[in-house]
Amino acid sequence: MKIGVFTVLFQDLPFEQMLDVVKAHGLDAVELGTGNYPGPAHCDPDILLEDEAKLQAFQKALADRGLIISALSCHGNPLHPDKGFATQSHETWRKTVLLAERLGVDCINVFSGCPGDSEDAKYPNWVTCTWPPEYARLLEWQWNTQLIPYWRREAVFAQQHGVRHIAFEMHPGFMVYNPETLLRLREAVGPEIGANFDPSHLLWQGIDPVEAIRHLARHEALFHFHAKDVYLDPANVRVNGVLDTKPYANVPERSWTFRSVGYGMPEERWRAIVSTLRTVGYDGVLSIEHEDPLASPGEGFRKAVELLQRVIFREPMPRMWWA
């Protein structure tokens, strides 16, 4: 296994300085934002696709440090009812595919997107219940006329340019938010659809990440992994449940809060997650994502690295010499 980092937390550092920090901490990989929500601070397709010299310098900087790219990430909402927003998300996705082809990267991390409630909507509408019955009708309209047709087209585009893995981060607020919705889309579109598995978005929904990893692996739908944690405040959950729209900064009142690795789940649970990943055959990158309001980017990153270095397996699985 390898450890990497989603470099958005270092967006204020120049590209090569960021790589030096990553290398100094003993990491193996970087996950690079190319626009939309993550921004393109370290990997701008508009620059790298237009200037061969800059593309070669970009690749050399990675190679000189022995670092690989685990994925390009362009999380956006190409189904947004605001046509301008949707178009920008879509164009960034397509440029990211073209850049991935040039870089030899076969995995792109995305959100599925979420449409509105009609062609005339202004804002996305995420359906969370099946009654009253108009919600069920809306959900089927979103799936059958928006989500599935869009990703069927884009899966073909990705195939044409060598991108074999479209890795959906299962994120509430978007159509794909849990293993069931991910696999429904995979069944409708094809094997190019899989997961960028981020346990933090699943835990607060009540999903066991170990069981979810096993379930997705049985469908060969585990493409990439985000190392991010979440803390559930038991007192607030007992009063208000887990659905929470308060600002992330309001930590004392929230039911859950994103945390650095090890500050939500105990280290023992991270050992179980890593062991399960190895059991199901995932030997890729654990990409650290930092969104902890209680830790600076640097300190939260260092804490995550320290824990992951203790729990991952670096060497190949052994021959069972004892059996």
C-alpha atoms as a PDB file:
ATOM      1  CA  MET A   1       0.000   0.000   0.000  1.00  0.00           C
ATOM      2  CA  LYS A   2       0.993   3.617  -0.444  1.00  0.00           C
ATOM      3  CA  ILE A   3       0.198   6.874   1.328  1.00  0.00           C
ATOM      4  CA  GLY A   4      -0.639  10.039  -0.565  1.00  0.00           C
ATOM      5  CA  VAL A   5      -2.288  13.370   0.000  1.00  0.00           C
ATOM      6  CA  PHE A   6      -4.998  15.387  -1.692  1.00  0.00           C
ATOM      7  CA  THR A   7      -2.873  18.492  -2.161  1.00  0.00           C
ATOM      8  CA  VAL A   8      -5.671  21.051  -1.796  1.00  0.00           C
ATOM      9  CA  LEU A   9      -4.578  21.635   1.804  1.00  0.00           C
ATOM     10  CA  PHE A  10      -1.243  22.949   0.418  1.00  0.00           C
ATOM     11  CA  GLN A  11      -2.842  25.160  -2.240  1.00  0.00           C
ATOM     12  CA  ASP A  12      -0.980  28.223  -0.975  1.00  0.00           C
ATOM     13  CA  LEU A  13       2.385  26.589  -1.748  1.00  0.00           C
ATOM     14  CA  PRO A  14       3.934  26.572  -5.225  1.00  0.00           C
ATOM     15  CA  PHE A  15       3.807  23.187  -6.950  1.00  0.00           C
ATOM     16  CA  GLU A  16       7.399  22.095  -6.429  1.00  0.00           C
ATOM     17  CA  GLN A  17       7.511  23.366  -2.852  1.00  0.00           C
ATOM     18  CA  MET A  18       4.367  21.364  -2.147  1.00  0.00           C
ATOM     19  CA  LEU A  19       6.023  18.264  -3.636  1.00  0.00           C
ATOM     20  CA  ASP A  20       9.042  18.792  -1.384  1.00  0.00           C
ATOM     21  CA  VAL A  21       6.788  18.837   1.691  1.00  0.00           C
ATOM     22  CA  VAL A  22       5.042  15.655   0.565  1.00  0.00           C
ATOM     23  CA  LYS A  23       8.349  13.900  -0.102  1.00  0.00           C
ATOM     24  CA  ALA A  24       9.864  15.057   3.187  1.00  0.00           C
ATOM     25  CA  HIS A  25       7.039  13.294   5.050  1.00  0.00           C
ATOM     26  CA  GLY A  26       7.776   9.986   3.330  1.00  0.00           C
ATOM     27  CA  LEU A  27       4.707   9.883   1.111  1.00  0.00           C
ATOM     28  CA  ASP A  28       4.424   8.088  -2.206  1.00  0.00           C
ATOM     29  CA  ALA A  29       1.678   9.884  -4.116  1.00  0.00           C
ATOM     30  CA  VAL A  30      -0.288  13.036  -4.720  1.00  0.00           C
ATOM     31  CA  GLU A  31      -3.924  13.507  -5.663  1.00  0.00           C
ATOM     32  CA  LEU A  32      -4.236  16.724  -7.646  1.00  0.00           C
ATOM     33  CA  GLY A  33      -7.232  19.005  -8.023  1.00  0.00           C
ATOM     34  CA  THR A  34      -7.867  20.223 -11.558  1.00  0.00           C
ATOM     35  CA  GLY A  35     -10.696  22.659 -10.910  1.00  0.00           C
ATOM     36  CA  ASN A  36     -14.336  22.868  -9.793  1.00  0.00           C
ATOM     37  CA  TYR A  37     -14.641  22.590  -5.990  1.00  0.00           C
ATOM     38  CA  PRO A  38     -10.985  21.505  -5.369  1.00  0.00           C
ATOM     39  CA  GLY A  39      -9.576  24.259  -7.594  1.00  0.00           C
ATOM     40  CA  PRO A  40      -6.561  23.878  -9.941  1.00  0.00           C
ATOM     41  CA  ALA A  41      -3.807  25.329  -7.741  1.00  0.00           C
ATOM     42  CA  HIS A  42      -1.229  22.645  -8.567  1.00  0.00           C
ATOM     43  CA  CYS A  43      -2.599  21.139 -11.783  1.00  0.00           C
ATOM     44  CA  ASP A  44      -4.352  23.504 -14.176  1.00  0.00           C
ATOM     45  CA  PRO A  45      -5.521  21.743 -17.359  1.00  0.00           C
ATOM     46  CA  ASP A  46      -5.768  25.068 -19.211  1.00  0.00           C
ATOM     47  CA  ILE A  47      -2.021  25.525 -18.740  1.00  0.00           C
ATOM     48  CA  LEU A  48      -0.742  21.959 -18.994  1.00  0.00           C
ATOM     49  CA  LEU A  49      -2.759  21.032 -22.082  1.00  0.00           C
ATOM     50  CA  GLU A  50      -1.617  24.102 -23.977  1.00  0.00           C
ATOM     51  CA  ASP A  51       2.095  24.193 -23.128  1.00  0.00           C
ATOM     52  CA  GLU A  52       4.125  21.038 -23.774  1.00  0.00           C
ATOM     53  CA  ALA A  53       7.203  22.432 -22.031  1.00  0.00           C
ATOM     54  CA  LYS A  54       5.233  23.107 -18.848  1.00  0.00           C
ATOM     55  CA  LEU A  55       3.675  19.652 -19.023  1.00  0.00           C
ATOM     56  CA  GLN A  56       7.106  18.043 -19.280  1.00  0.00           C
ATOM     57  CA  ALA A  57       8.449  20.153 -16.409  1.00  0.00           C
ATOM     58  CA  PHE A  58       5.411  19.137 -14.340  1.00  0.00           C
ATOM     59  CA  GLN A  59       6.078  15.445 -14.999  1.00  0.00           C
ATOM     60  CA  LYS A  60       9.796  15.812 -14.320  1.00  0.00           C
ATOM     61  CA  ALA A  61       9.150  17.461 -10.952  1.00  0.00           C
ATOM     62  CA  LEU A  62       7.117  14.434  -9.900  1.00  0.00           C
ATOM     63  CA  ALA A  63       9.583  11.910 -11.304  1.00  0.00           C
ATOM     64  CA  ASP A  64      12.589  13.599  -9.689  1.00  0.00           C
ATOM     65  CA  ARG A  65      10.963  13.073  -6.299  1.00  0.00           C
ATOM     66  CA  GLY A  66       9.753   9.552  -6.998  1.00  0.00           C
ATOM     67  CA  LEU A  67       6.107  10.549  -6.580  1.00  0.00           C
ATOM     68  CA  ILE A  68       3.131   9.214  -8.510  1.00  0.00           C
ATOM     69  CA  ILE A  69      -0.320  10.687  -9.162  1.00  0.00           C
ATOM     70  CA  SER A  70      -2.987   8.544  -7.516  1.00  0.00           C
ATOM     71  CA  ALA A  71      -5.833  10.427  -9.193  1.00  0.00           C
ATOM     72  CA  LEU A  72      -6.896  13.727 -10.681  1.00  0.00           C
ATOM     73  CA  SER A  73      -9.875  15.278  -8.902  1.00  0.00           C
ATOM     74  CA  CYS A  74     -12.461  17.629 -10.350  1.00  0.00           C
ATOM     75  CA  HIS A  75     -15.426  17.287  -7.985  1.00  0.00           C
ATOM     76  CA  GLY A  76     -18.189  19.508  -9.335  1.00  0.00           C
ATOM     77  CA  ASN A  77     -21.874  19.342 -10.238  1.00  0.00           C
ATOM     78  CA  PRO A  78     -22.383  18.853 -13.981  1.00  0.00           C
ATOM     79  CA  LEU A  79     -26.111  18.301 -13.355  1.00  0.00           C
ATOM     80  CA  HIS A  80     -26.630  21.621 -11.571  1.00  0.00           C
ATOM     81  CA  PRO A  81     -29.821  23.409 -12.721  1.00  0.00           C
ATOM     82  CA  ASP A  82     -27.772  26.586 -13.142  1.00  0.00           C
ATOM     83  CA  LYS A  83     -26.630  25.990 -16.706  1.00  0.00           C
ATOM     84  CA  GLY A  84     -23.523  28.098 -16.313  1.00  0.00           C
ATOM     85  CA  PHE A  85     -22.394  26.182 -13.241  1.00  0.00           C
ATOM     86  CA  ALA A  86     -23.187  22.843 -14.889  1.00  0.00           C
ATOM     87  CA  THR A  87     -21.297  23.774 -18.048  1.00  0.00           C
ATOM     88  CA  GLN A  88     -18.210  24.823 -16.113  1.00  0.00           C
ATOM     89  CA  SER A  89     -18.261  21.568 -14.129  1.00  0.00           C
ATOM     90  CA  HIS A  90     -18.667  19.572 -17.333  1.00  0.00           C
ATOM     91  CA  GLU A  91     -15.914  21.376 -19.222  1.00  0.00           C
ATOM     92  CA  THR A  92     -13.492  20.974 -16.311  1.00  0.00           C
ATOM     93  CA  TRP A  93     -14.299  17.245 -16.189  1.00  0.00           C
ATOM     94  CA  ARG A  94     -13.609  16.854 -19.911  1.00  0.00           C
ATOM     95  CA  LYS A  95     -10.334  18.790 -19.718  1.00  0.00           C
ATOM     96  CA  THR A  96      -9.357  16.610 -16.778  1.00  0.00           C
ATOM     97  CA  VAL A  97      -9.951  13.490 -18.870  1.00  0.00           C
ATOM     98  CA  LEU A  98      -7.748  14.887 -21.638  1.00  0.00           C
ATOM     99  CA  LEU A  99      -5.032  15.773 -19.137  1.00  0.00           C
ATOM    100  CA  ALA A 100      -5.247  12.345 -17.508  1.00  0.00           C
ATOM    101  CA  GLU A 101      -4.650  10.812 -20.928  1.00  0.00           C
ATOM    102  CA  ARG A 102      -1.509  12.917 -21.393  1.00  0.00           C
ATOM    103  CA  LEU A 103      -0.240  12.065 -17.911  1.00  0.00           C
ATOM    104  CA  GLY A 104      -1.051   8.364 -18.058  1.00  0.00           C
ATOM    105  CA  VAL A 105      -3.464   8.611 -15.111  1.00  0.00           C
ATOM    106  CA  ASP A 106      -6.415   6.254 -15.318  1.00  0.00           C
ATOM    107  CA  CYS A 107      -8.453   7.404 -12.277  1.00  0.00           C
ATOM    108  CA  ILE A 108     -10.461  10.621 -11.908  1.00  0.00           C
ATOM    109  CA  ASN A 109     -12.325  11.456  -8.698  1.00  0.00           C
ATOM    110  CA  VAL A 110     -15.689  13.186  -9.055  1.00  0.00           C
ATOM    111  CA  PHE A 111     -19.076  13.818  -7.506  1.00  0.00           C
ATOM    112  CA  SER A 112     -22.071  12.375  -9.316  1.00  0.00           C
ATOM    113  CA  GLY A 113     -23.852  15.728  -9.367  1.00  0.00           C
ATOM    114  CA  CYS A 114     -27.397  16.568  -8.337  1.00  0.00           C
ATOM    115  CA  PRO A 115     -30.065  18.175 -10.542  1.00  0.00           C
ATOM    116  CA  GLY A 116     -32.983  20.327  -9.461  1.00  0.00           C
ATOM    117  CA  ASP A 117     -36.643  19.347  -9.374  1.00  0.00           C
ATOM    118  CA  SER A 118     -37.372  20.289 -12.995  1.00  0.00           C
ATOM    119  CA  GLU A 119     -35.846  21.821 -16.109  1.00  0.00           C
ATOM    120  CA  ASP A 120     -36.775  25.238 -14.681  1.00  0.00           C
ATOM    121  CA  ALA A 121     -35.201  24.771 -11.243  1.00  0.00           C
ATOM    122  CA  LYS A 122     -32.664  27.187  -9.777  1.00  0.00           C
ATOM    123  CA  TYR A 123     -31.019  25.000  -7.146  1.00  0.00           C
ATOM    124  CA  PRO A 124     -30.150  21.307  -6.698  1.00  0.00           C
ATOM    125  CA  ASN A 125     -32.744  19.181  -4.927  1.00  0.00           C
ATOM    126  CA  TRP A 126     -31.392  16.205  -2.974  1.00  0.00           C
ATOM    127  CA  VAL A 127     -34.201  13.774  -2.173  1.00  0.00           C
ATOM    128  CA  THR A 128     -33.850  11.956   1.159  1.00  0.00           C
ATOM    129  CA  CYS A 129     -37.256  10.297   1.571  1.00  0.00           C
ATOM    130  CA  THR A 130     -39.806   8.548  -0.603  1.00  0.00           C
ATOM    131  CA  TRP A 131     -42.992  10.146   0.796  1.00  0.00           C
ATOM    132  CA  PRO A 132     -44.994  12.254   0.073  1.00  0.00           C
ATOM    133  CA  PRO A 133     -45.123  10.514  -3.340  1.00  0.00           C
ATOM    134  CA  GLU A 134     -43.895  13.511  -5.355  1.00  0.00           C
ATOM    135  CA  TYR A 135     -40.443  12.892  -3.870  1.00  0.00           C
ATOM    136  CA  ALA A 136     -40.337   9.380  -5.312  1.00  0.00           C
ATOM    137  CA  ARG A 137     -41.450  10.682  -8.704  1.00  0.00           C
ATOM    138  CA  LEU A 138     -38.829  13.432  -8.591  1.00  0.00           C
ATOM    139  CA  LEU A 139     -36.098  10.949  -7.711  1.00  0.00           C
ATOM    140  CA  GLU A 140     -36.891   8.722 -10.676  1.00  0.00           C
ATOM    141  CA  TRP A 141     -36.944  11.751 -12.998  1.00  0.00           C
ATOM    142  CA  GLN A 142     -33.515  12.797 -11.720  1.00  0.00           C
ATOM    143  CA  TRP A 143     -32.069   9.313 -12.235  1.00  0.00           C
ATOM    144  CA  ASN A 144     -33.645   8.464 -15.574  1.00  0.00           C
ATOM    145  CA  THR A 145     -33.478  11.788 -17.401  1.00  0.00           C
ATOM    146  CA  GLN A 146     -30.441  13.444 -15.827  1.00  0.00           C
ATOM    147  CA  LEU A 147     -27.943  11.254 -13.949  1.00  0.00           C
ATOM    148  CA  ILE A 148     -27.840   8.036 -15.998  1.00  0.00           C
ATOM    149  CA  PRO A 149     -27.870   9.652 -19.469  1.00  0.00           C
ATOM    150  CA  TYR A 150     -25.107  12.094 -18.510  1.00  0.00           C
ATOM    151  CA  TRP A 151     -22.719   9.492 -17.115  1.00  0.00           C
ATOM    152  CA  ARG A 152     -23.416   7.050 -19.941  1.00  0.00           C
ATOM    153  CA  ARG A 153     -22.151   9.670 -22.373  1.00  0.00           C
ATOM    154  CA  GLU A 154     -19.187  10.617 -20.207  1.00  0.00           C
ATOM    155  CA  ALA A 155     -18.145   7.019 -19.584  1.00  0.00           C
ATOM    156  CA  VAL A 156     -17.781   6.619 -23.337  1.00  0.00           C
ATOM    157  CA  PHE A 157     -15.695   9.808 -23.502  1.00  0.00           C
ATOM    158  CA  ALA A 158     -13.500   8.556 -20.658  1.00  0.00           C
ATOM    159  CA  GLN A 159     -12.994   5.195 -22.379  1.00  0.00           C
ATOM    160  CA  GLN A 160     -11.939   6.908 -25.582  1.00  0.00           C
ATOM    161  CA  HIS A 161      -9.156   8.685 -23.698  1.00  0.00           C
ATOM    162  CA  GLY A 162      -7.836   5.849 -21.553  1.00  0.00           C
ATOM    163  CA  VAL A 163      -9.561   6.709 -18.272  1.00  0.00           C
ATOM    164  CA  ARG A 164     -10.782   3.384 -16.925  1.00  0.00           C
ATOM    165  CA  HIS A 165     -11.844   4.495 -13.452  1.00  0.00           C
ATOM    166  CA  ILE A 166     -14.426   7.212 -12.795  1.00  0.00           C
ATOM    167  CA  ALA A 167     -14.307   7.246  -8.998  1.00  0.00           C
ATOM    168  CA  PHE A 168     -17.377   8.730  -7.332  1.00  0.00           C
ATOM    169  CA  GLU A 169     -17.010  10.149  -3.861  1.00  0.00           C
ATOM    170  CA  MET A 170     -20.186   9.027  -2.116  1.00  0.00           C
ATOM    171  CA  HIS A 171     -21.277  12.351  -0.662  1.00  0.00           C
ATOM    172  CA  PRO A 172     -24.653  13.408   0.760  1.00  0.00           C
ATOM    173  CA  GLY A 173     -26.145  16.229  -1.266  1.00  0.00           C
ATOM    174  CA  PHE A 174     -25.410  14.386  -4.511  1.00  0.00           C
ATOM    175  CA  MET A 175     -27.227  11.523  -6.220  1.00  0.00           C
ATOM    176  CA  VAL A 176     -24.511   8.995  -5.378  1.00  0.00           C
ATOM    177  CA  TYR A 177     -24.085   9.089  -1.604  1.00  0.00           C
ATOM    178  CA  ASN A 178     -23.831   5.459  -0.437  1.00  0.00           C
ATOM    179  CA  PRO A 179     -22.882   2.030  -1.836  1.00  0.00           C
ATOM    180  CA  GLU A 180     -26.411   1.287  -3.019  1.00  0.00           C
ATOM    181  CA  THR A 181     -26.679   4.420  -5.161  1.00  0.00           C
ATOM    182  CA  LEU A 182     -23.129   3.934  -6.468  1.00  0.00           C
ATOM    183  CA  LEU A 183     -23.858   0.380  -7.566  1.00  0.00           C
ATOM    184  CA  ARG A 184     -27.165   1.404  -9.114  1.00  0.00           C
ATOM    185  CA  LEU A 185     -25.305   3.868 -11.316  1.00  0.00           C
ATOM    186  CA  ARG A 186     -22.576   1.324 -12.077  1.00  0.00           C
ATOM    187  CA  GLU A 187     -25.200  -1.191 -13.190  1.00  0.00           C
ATOM    188  CA  ALA A 188     -26.820   1.382 -15.457  1.00  0.00           C
ATOM    189  CA  VAL A 189     -23.580   2.780 -16.936  1.00  0.00           C
ATOM    190  CA  GLY A 190     -20.855   0.151 -16.775  1.00  0.00           C
ATOM    191  CA  PRO A 191     -17.669  -0.989 -15.029  1.00  0.00           C
ATOM    192  CA  GLU A 192     -16.007   2.418 -15.459  1.00  0.00           C
ATOM    193  CA  ILE A 193     -18.090   3.565 -12.452  1.00  0.00           C
ATOM    194  CA  GLY A 194     -16.670   2.892  -8.994  1.00  0.00           C
ATOM    195  CA  ALA A 195     -15.886   4.483  -5.644  1.00  0.00           C
ATOM    196  CA  ASN A 196     -13.440   6.984  -4.314  1.00  0.00           C
ATOM    197  CA  PHE A 197     -14.060   5.576  -0.850  1.00  0.00           C
ATOM    198  CA  ASP A 198     -14.148   8.270   1.823  1.00  0.00           C
ATOM    199  CA  PRO A 199     -15.222   6.766   5.169  1.00  0.00           C
ATOM    200  CA  SER A 200     -15.959  10.171   6.704  1.00  0.00           C
ATOM    201  CA  HIS A 201     -19.038  10.701   4.531  1.00  0.00           C
ATOM    202  CA  LEU A 202     -20.358   7.240   5.287  1.00  0.00           C
ATOM    203  CA  LEU A 203     -19.815   7.009   9.030  1.00  0.00           C
ATOM    204  CA  TRP A 204     -22.195   9.790   9.966  1.00  0.00           C
ATOM    205  CA  GLN A 205     -24.878   8.133   7.837  1.00  0.00           C
ATOM    206  CA  GLY A 206     -24.571   5.045  10.034  1.00  0.00           C
ATOM    207  CA  ILE A 207     -22.580   3.017   7.484  1.00  0.00           C
ATOM    208  CA  ASP A 208     -19.855   0.659   8.670  1.00  0.00           C
ATOM    209  CA  PRO A 209     -16.832   1.376   6.435  1.00  0.00           C
ATOM    210  CA  VAL A 210     -15.449  -2.152   6.794  1.00  0.00           C
ATOM    211  CA  GLU A 211     -18.696  -3.714   5.577  1.00  0.00           C
ATOM    212  CA  ALA A 212     -19.041  -1.107   2.830  1.00  0.00           C
ATOM    213  CA  ILE A 213     -15.514  -1.839   1.578  1.00  0.00           C
ATOM    214  CA  ARG A 214     -16.299  -5.564   1.436  1.00  0.00           C
ATOM    215  CA  HIS A 215     -19.579  -4.911  -0.386  1.00  0.00           C
ATOM    216  CA  LEU A 216     -18.066  -2.648  -3.033  1.00  0.00           C
ATOM    217  CA  ALA A 217     -15.089  -4.954  -3.524  1.00  0.00           C
ATOM    218  CA  ARG A 218     -17.416  -7.859  -4.295  1.00  0.00           C
ATOM    219  CA  HIS A 219     -18.665  -5.746  -7.210  1.00  0.00           C
ATOM    220  CA  GLU A 220     -15.115  -4.720  -8.233  1.00  0.00           C
ATOM    221  CA  ALA A 221     -16.108  -1.118  -7.581  1.00  0.00           C
ATOM    222  CA  LEU A 222     -13.347   0.084  -5.229  1.00  0.00           C
ATOM    223  CA  PHE A 223     -11.072   2.443  -7.194  1.00  0.00           C
ATOM    224  CA  HIS A 224      -9.478   4.964  -4.809  1.00  0.00           C
ATOM    225  CA  PHE A 225      -9.425   5.750  -1.084  1.00  0.00           C
ATOM    226  CA  HIS A 226      -9.576   8.997   0.892  1.00  0.00           C
ATOM    227  CA  ALA A 227      -8.065   8.904   4.374  1.00  0.00           C
ATOM    228  CA  LYS A 228     -10.372  11.256   6.247  1.00  0.00           C
ATOM    229  CA  ASP A 229     -12.065  10.866   9.596  1.00  0.00           C
ATOM    230  CA  VAL A 230     -15.223  12.122  11.266  1.00  0.00           C
ATOM    231  CA  TYR A 231     -16.240  12.536  14.890  1.00  0.00           C
ATOM    232  CA  LEU A 232     -19.854  11.958  15.930  1.00  0.00           C
ATOM    233  CA  ASP A 233     -20.804  13.881  19.053  1.00  0.00           C
ATOM    234  CA  PRO A 234     -22.960  11.380  20.966  1.00  0.00           C
ATOM    235  CA  ALA A 235     -24.789  13.997  23.029  1.00  0.00           C
ATOM    236  CA  ASN A 236     -25.813  16.061  19.994  1.00  0.00           C
ATOM    237  CA  VAL A 237     -26.725  12.939  18.008  1.00  0.00           C
ATOM    238  CA  ARG A 238     -28.996  11.739  20.818  1.00  0.00           C
ATOM    239  CA  VAL A 239     -30.902  15.034  20.714  1.00  0.00           C
ATOM    240  CA  ASN A 240     -30.908  15.936  17.011  1.00  0.00           C
ATOM    241  CA  GLY A 241     -29.848  12.892  15.012  1.00  0.00           C
ATOM    242  CA  VAL A 242     -27.194  12.986  12.303  1.00  0.00           C
ATOM    243  CA  LEU A 243     -28.685  15.309   9.698  1.00  0.00           C
ATOM    244  CA  ASP A 244     -27.007  18.636  10.436  1.00  0.00           C
ATOM    245  CA  THR A 245     -27.056  21.903   8.502  1.00  0.00           C
ATOM    246  CA  LYS A 246     -25.198  24.050  11.025  1.00  0.00           C
ATOM    247  CA  PRO A 247     -21.932  25.657   9.841  1.00  0.00           C
ATOM    248  CA  TYR A 248     -18.890  23.402  10.069  1.00  0.00           C
ATOM    249  CA  ALA A 249     -17.241  25.939  12.378  1.00  0.00           C
ATOM    250  CA  ASN A 250     -19.961  25.418  14.995  1.00  0.00           C
ATOM    251  CA  VAL A 251     -18.202  22.348  16.352  1.00  0.00           C
ATOM    252  CA  PRO A 252     -19.755  22.315  19.876  1.00  0.00           C
ATOM    253  CA  GLU A 253     -23.303  22.207  18.509  1.00  0.00           C
ATOM    254  CA  ARG A 254     -22.849  19.932  15.502  1.00  0.00           C
ATOM    255  CA  SER A 255     -23.758  16.249  15.461  1.00  0.00           C
ATOM    256  CA  TRP A 256     -20.626  15.405  13.489  1.00  0.00           C
ATOM    257  CA  THR A 257     -17.373  17.084  12.496  1.00  0.00           C
ATOM    258  CA  PHE A 258     -14.664  16.131  10.006  1.00  0.00           C
ATOM    259  CA  ARG A 259     -11.449  15.267  11.828  1.00  0.00           C
ATOM    260  CA  SER A 260      -7.871  14.321  11.098  1.00  0.00           C
ATOM    261  CA  VAL A 261      -7.180  10.608  10.788  1.00  0.00           C
ATOM    262  CA  GLY A 262      -7.357   9.025  14.240  1.00  0.00           C
ATOM    263  CA  TYR A 263      -9.373  11.795  15.893  1.00  0.00           C
ATOM    264  CA  GLY A 264     -12.749  10.340  14.959  1.00  0.00           C
ATOM    265  CA  MET A 265     -12.272   6.600  14.738  1.00  0.00           C
ATOM    266  CA  PRO A 266      -9.679   5.047  17.068  1.00  0.00           C
ATOM    267  CA  GLU A 267      -6.459   3.675  15.616  1.00  0.00           C
ATOM    268  CA  GLU A 268      -7.788   0.151  16.094  1.00  0.00           C
ATOM    269  CA  ARG A 269     -10.594   0.917  13.632  1.00  0.00           C
ATOM    270  CA  TRP A 270      -8.147   2.293  11.085  1.00  0.00           C
ATOM    271  CA  ARG A 271      -6.174  -0.943  11.422  1.00  0.00           C
ATOM    272  CA  ALA A 272      -9.372  -2.859  10.630  1.00  0.00           C
ATOM    273  CA  ILE A 273     -10.039  -0.667   7.576  1.00  0.00           C
ATOM    274  CA  VAL A 274      -6.496  -1.117   6.253  1.00  0.00           C
ATOM    275  CA  SER A 275      -6.636  -4.863   6.873  1.00  0.00           C
ATOM    276  CA  THR A 276      -9.961  -5.089   5.050  1.00  0.00           C
ATOM    277  CA  LEU A 277      -8.585  -3.135   2.105  1.00  0.00           C
ATOM    278  CA  ARG A 278      -5.722  -5.605   1.860  1.00  0.00           C
ATOM    279  CA  THR A 279      -8.066  -8.575   2.290  1.00  0.00           C
ATOM    280  CA  VAL A 280     -10.185  -7.505  -0.696  1.00  0.00           C
ATOM    281  CA  GLY A 281      -7.130  -6.824  -2.864  1.00  0.00           C
ATOM    282  CA  TYR A 282      -6.847  -3.041  -2.725  1.00  0.00           C
ATOM    283  CA  ASP A 283      -3.161  -2.219  -2.910  1.00  0.00           C
ATOM    284  CA  GLY A 284      -3.444   1.393  -3.986  1.00  0.00           C
ATOM    285  CA  VAL A 285      -3.045   4.768  -2.324  1.00  0.00           C
ATOM    286  CA  LEU A 286      -4.592   6.022   0.900  1.00  0.00           C
ATOM    287  CA  SER A 287      -4.909   9.708   0.031  1.00  0.00           C
ATOM    288  CA  ILE A 288      -5.057  12.003   3.059  1.00  0.00           C
ATOM    289  CA  GLU A 289      -7.757  14.675   2.891  1.00  0.00           C
ATOM    290  CA  HIS A 290      -7.664  17.352   5.570  1.00  0.00           C
ATOM    291  CA  GLU A 291     -10.853  19.191   6.579  1.00  0.00           C
ATOM    292  CA  ASP A 292     -10.413  19.292  10.351  1.00  0.00           C
ATOM    293  CA  PRO A 293     -11.556  22.616  11.899  1.00  0.00           C
ATOM    294  CA  LEU A 294      -9.583  21.887  15.077  1.00  0.00           C
ATOM    295  CA  ALA A 295      -6.185  21.273  13.466  1.00  0.00           C
ATOM    296  CA  SER A 296      -4.100  23.450  11.177  1.00  0.00           C
ATOM    297  CA  PRO A 297      -3.490  21.945   7.726  1.00  0.00           C
ATOM    298  CA  GLY A 298       0.127  21.197   8.580  1.00  0.00           C
ATOM    299  CA  GLU A 299      -0.517  19.614  11.964  1.00  0.00           C
ATOM    300  CA  GLY A 300      -3.581  17.680  10.820  1.00  0.00           C
ATOM    301  CA  PHE A 301      -1.579  16.359   7.870  1.00  0.00           C
ATOM    302  CA  ARG A 302       1.321  15.298  10.103  1.00  0.00           C
ATOM    303  CA  LYS A 303      -0.991  13.510  12.551  1.00  0.00           C
ATOM    304  CA  ALA A 304      -2.603  11.608   9.679  1.00  0.00           C
ATOM    305  CA  VAL A 305       0.777  10.616   8.238  1.00  0.00           C
ATOM    306  CA  GLU A 306       1.999   9.380  11.630  1.00  0.00           C
ATOM    307  CA  LEU A 307      -1.014   7.139  12.149  1.00  0.00           C
ATOM    308  CA  LEU A 308      -1.163   5.775   8.613  1.00  0.00           C
ATOM    309  CA  GLN A 309       2.546   4.967   8.614  1.00  0.00           C
ATOM    310  CA  ARG A 310       1.916   2.785  11.656  1.00  0.00           C
ATOM    311  CA  VAL A 311      -1.060   0.896  10.270  1.00  0.00           C
ATOM    312  CA  ILE A 312      -0.442   0.322   6.541  1.00  0.00           C
ATOM    313  CA  PHE A 313       1.299  -2.722   5.104  1.00  0.00           C
ATOM    314  CA  ARG A 314       4.293  -1.833   2.925  1.00  0.00           C
ATOM    315  CA  GLU A 315       5.545  -5.296   2.035  1.00  0.00           C
ATOM    316  CA  PRO A 316       3.816  -7.854  -0.240  1.00  0.00           C
ATOM    317  CA  MET A 317       1.510 -10.385   1.356  1.00  0.00           C
ATOM    318  CA  PRO A 318       3.454 -13.431   2.527  1.00  0.00           C
ATOM    319  CA  ARG A 319       3.336 -17.011   1.362  1.00  0.00           C
ATOM    320  CA  MET A 320       1.530 -18.887   4.120  1.00  0.00           C
ATOM    321  CA  TRP A 321       4.616 -20.834   5.209  1.00  0.00           C
ATOM    322  CA  TRP A 322       2.923 -22.006   8.410  1.00  0.00           C
ATOM    323  CA  ALA A 323      -0.020 -23.732   6.700  1.00  0.00           C
END
